Amino acid sequence: MRTSGGCSQFSERLVRRSAIVKELKSEAAGVIMAQVVPLPTKKGIPVVGEYQNALAAVGAKPDYSFSGLEGFISAKVLVEGLKRSGKDLTHARFIRSMEGIGDLDLGEYFVSLTRRPITNGSKYVDITVINKNGLFFN
C-alpha cells in the first residue's frame, strides 16, 4: 500500500498496536492511529502518572500500554461508582450511581455517564503515530 501512495488507518478496537508493529515490522512506521486514552508514556498527564506510579508500587515491569491504561481508568470509574453507591449496595443503587457520574475528572481525563439511552463515557480522542523504531508518539 505504501508503494502505491496509500495510507492505512487502524481503529484502536480492531487491532492491537503491538501486533501491528510485530506483523508489519519496519512497514509500521508512519501508521496513524486514533486512541481513546492518552499516550501511556506521557507521565505529565496526571492520570497517566498515577497509572505508572501504581504499576511501580507493585513492582510491575514498566511496560506501559494503551490497554493497561484503559483498564486502569475503567477500574477508577468502577470504584467511583461503588463509592457513590454507599454502604448498602444494591444493583439498582449501583446503576443509579454509575449513571449519575457527570464530568468526573480522573486527572485531565474526563468521564461523564448519563442515564440510558444516552451513555457517553469519555470524549477523549488522540492521534498517535508509529515511528521507525516501532514506538508510539504524538
Protein backbone atom coordinates (compact mmCIF):
# COMPACT_ATOMS: atom_id res chain seq x y z
CA MET A 1 0.00 0.00 0.00
CA ARG A 2 2.88 2.35 0.81
CA THR A 3 4.33 1.90 -2.68
CA SER A 4 1.03 2.95 -4.23
CA GLY A 5 0.97 6.11 -2.12
CA GLY A 6 -1.79 4.92 0.20
CA CYS A 7 -2.00 5.44 3.93
CA SER A 8 -3.51 2.95 6.38
CA GLN A 9 -5.50 3.84 9.45
CA PHE A 10 -6.42 1.34 12.15
CA SER A 11 -9.04 1.59 14.84
CA GLU A 12 -7.93 1.06 18.43
CA ARG A 13 -10.66 -1.54 18.89
CA LEU A 14 -9.90 -3.59 15.81
CA VAL A 15 -6.16 -4.19 16.07
CA ARG A 16 -3.68 -4.35 18.95
CA ARG A 17 -0.84 -1.95 18.35
CA SER A 18 1.89 -4.39 19.40
CA ALA A 19 0.51 -6.83 16.84
CA ILE A 20 0.76 -4.18 14.13
CA VAL A 21 4.41 -3.49 14.91
CA LYS A 22 5.20 -7.20 15.17
CA GLU A 23 3.45 -8.05 11.91
CA LEU A 24 4.45 -5.07 9.81
CA LYS A 25 7.95 -4.55 11.28
CA SER A 26 9.59 -1.54 9.59
CA GLU A 27 6.50 -1.01 7.41
CA ALA A 28 4.58 0.01 10.57
CA ALA A 29 6.47 3.33 10.61
CA GLY A 30 4.07 6.14 9.84
CA VAL A 31 0.87 4.27 10.70
CA ILE A 32 -1.57 6.70 12.30
CA MET A 33 -3.99 5.52 14.98
CA ALA A 34 -6.82 7.09 16.94
CA GLN A 35 -6.64 6.40 20.69
CA VAL A 36 -9.32 6.69 23.37
CA VAL A 37 -6.79 7.23 26.17
CA PRO A 38 -3.64 9.35 26.37
CA LEU A 39 -0.24 8.03 25.37
CA PRO A 40 0.65 5.78 28.35
CA THR A 41 4.20 7.14 28.47
CA LYS A 42 3.12 10.78 29.00
CA LYS A 43 3.65 10.93 32.75
CA GLY A 44 2.88 14.68 32.71
CA ILE A 45 -0.82 13.85 32.30
CA PRO A 46 -1.98 13.19 35.88
CA VAL A 47 -3.98 10.00 35.21
CA VAL A 48 -1.02 8.58 33.24
CA GLY A 49 1.37 9.43 36.07
CA GLU A 50 -0.97 7.73 38.55
CA TYR A 51 -1.13 4.64 36.31
CA GLN A 52 2.67 4.49 36.06
CA ASN A 53 3.07 5.02 39.83
CA ALA A 54 0.53 2.27 40.58
CA LEU A 55 2.50 -0.18 38.43
CA ALA A 56 5.76 0.84 40.10
CA ALA A 57 4.20 0.48 43.57
CA VAL A 58 3.53 -3.20 42.99
CA GLY A 59 6.89 -3.81 41.34
CA ALA A 60 5.45 -4.34 37.88
CA LYS A 61 7.70 -4.08 34.85
CA PRO A 62 7.25 -0.60 33.33
CA ASP A 63 5.67 -1.98 30.17
CA TYR A 64 3.06 0.74 29.69
CA SER A 65 0.26 0.06 27.24
CA PHE A 66 -2.90 1.71 25.95
CA SER A 67 -4.99 -1.27 27.06
CA GLY A 68 -3.38 -1.21 30.52
CA LEU A 69 -4.15 2.49 30.92
CA GLU A 70 -7.70 1.97 29.65
CA GLY A 71 -8.20 -0.80 32.21
CA PHE A 72 -6.78 1.43 34.96
CA ILE A 73 -9.19 4.21 34.02
CA SER A 74 -12.12 1.77 33.88
CA ALA A 75 -11.25 0.49 37.36
CA LYS A 76 -11.19 4.07 38.70
CA VAL A 77 -14.65 4.70 37.25
CA LEU A 78 -15.94 1.45 38.77
CA VAL A 79 -14.55 2.40 42.19
CA GLU A 80 -16.14 5.85 41.91
CA GLY A 81 -19.50 4.21 41.17
CA LEU A 82 -19.12 1.91 44.17
CA LYS A 83 -18.22 4.83 46.45
CA ARG A 84 -21.26 6.77 45.28
CA SER A 85 -23.48 3.73 45.92
CA GLY A 86 -22.88 3.90 49.66
CA LYS A 87 -22.53 1.07 52.14
CA ASP A 88 -25.93 -0.53 51.43
CA LEU A 89 -25.06 -1.59 47.89
CA THR A 90 -27.80 -2.90 45.66
CA HIS A 91 -27.83 -3.47 41.92
CA ALA A 92 -30.28 -0.61 41.38
CA ARG A 93 -28.31 1.81 43.58
CA PHE A 94 -25.09 0.94 41.79
CA ILE A 95 -26.68 1.52 38.35
CA ARG A 96 -28.08 4.89 39.52
CA SER A 97 -24.68 5.84 40.92
CA MET A 98 -22.88 4.95 37.71
CA GLU A 99 -25.46 6.78 35.59
CA GLY A 100 -25.03 9.82 37.82
CA ILE A 101 -21.32 10.23 37.14
CA GLY A 102 -21.02 13.51 35.30
CA ASP A 103 -17.80 15.36 34.49
CA LEU A 104 -15.60 13.14 36.63
CA ASP A 105 -12.01 14.39 36.40
CA LEU A 106 -9.63 11.45 36.73
CA GLY A 107 -6.59 13.63 36.16
CA GLU A 108 -7.04 15.58 32.93
CA TYR A 109 -9.12 12.70 31.60
CA PHE A 110 -12.84 13.35 31.95
CA VAL A 111 -15.63 10.78 32.14
CA SER A 112 -19.33 11.51 32.02
CA LEU A 113 -22.01 8.83 32.27
CA THR A 114 -25.69 9.61 32.00
CA ARG A 115 -28.98 7.78 32.18
CA ARG A 116 -29.97 5.48 29.35
CA PRO A 117 -30.33 5.61 26.41
CA ILE A 118 -27.57 8.23 26.22
CA THR A 119 -24.40 6.95 27.87
CA ASN A 120 -21.13 8.57 26.89
CA GLY A 121 -18.06 7.76 28.91
CA SER A 122 -15.22 9.88 27.65
CA LYS A 123 -14.98 12.10 24.60
CA TYR A 124 -11.20 11.85 24.63
CA VAL A 125 -9.59 11.07 21.28
CA ASP A 126 -5.92 11.39 20.50
CA ILE A 127 -3.84 10.58 17.46
CA THR A 128 -0.62 8.58 17.66
CA VAL A 129 1.90 7.65 15.03
CA ILE A 130 4.26 4.67 14.99
CA ASN A 131 7.87 5.77 14.46
CA LYS A 132 10.65 3.86 12.69
CA ASN A 133 11.59 2.14 15.99
CA GLY A 134 8.05 0.78 16.47
CA LEU A 135 7.26 3.26 19.27
CA PHE A 136 4.16 5.42 19.53
CA PHE A 137 4.33 9.20 19.73
CA ASN A 138 2.13 12.24 19.26
